[in-house]
C-alpha cells in the first residue's frame, strides 16, 4: 500500500506544470526566468555574422530594456535621427568596423521580451526602413546625445523605437545598424513581441530596441 502511494505521488509531481524555464544559451550565460514574466537571456553570437570590434567575451546580468522615450532622454529633437552626416570626423569609426579590417570577436545579445515590449512587426519595419540601401542604408548613424542616457534614437515605427548608445560621436553605418535591429527581432521574438540589445564591450556601444512611449 505504501509503495503504491509513493509511486502515485512521484507520478503526480512529475506531471505538474513547470513554472520556471532555464535557458542556457552560452557558457556561463544561462538565466532562469518565470515563464509568465517574459523572455530573458544573454547569449554570445557567432562572430562570423558581425563586424564589430570587441576585445573580450562579455557575460552579465541582463537589465530591463523596456525603457521609455523619456527615460532615454529622447524627447529632445536633437537626439533624434537618422542623420545624413557627411562630415569626415572619424574619431569613433573604429568602434564599429565597416571594412572588416579589425579583429572580430563576440558581441552579446541580451533579450528581455515581455508584454510591455514592442510588436515584432514594428521592429522589422524599423530595420527595413533604416536599412534601405537606396535611402538611409548608405548613411552614417551617429550617437549625438552628449549627456543623460548617451543614447540617440535612430528611428521608430508603431510601438517600437531603436537607438544607438555609447560614447558621444560613435558612428555606425545605418545598414549595419538595421541588420543588428533585425537580429534582435529574429532572436528575441516571443508571442509577437521583441525587446533587447546588442552590446559591444570594448567600444562601449550598444544597439537597443524598446517600447515607444509617445
Foldseek 3Di string as FASTA:
>chain_A
DVVVVVVVVVVVVVPDDDQWDWDDADVQWIDIDGPQQFDKTKHWDDQVVFQFDADDDDHDHDDDQQDECVQQVNVPVVLEDDDQDPDPPCPAQNRGDPPSPHDTDTKMKIWGGHPQFAFLVFLLVQLCVCCPPVPNQAGKGFQADQDRQSWRWHDGGDFKTKIKHAHHGHIDRSNSLSVVSVVQSVPHDDPRGGWIKIARDPRRMMMTMHTYDD
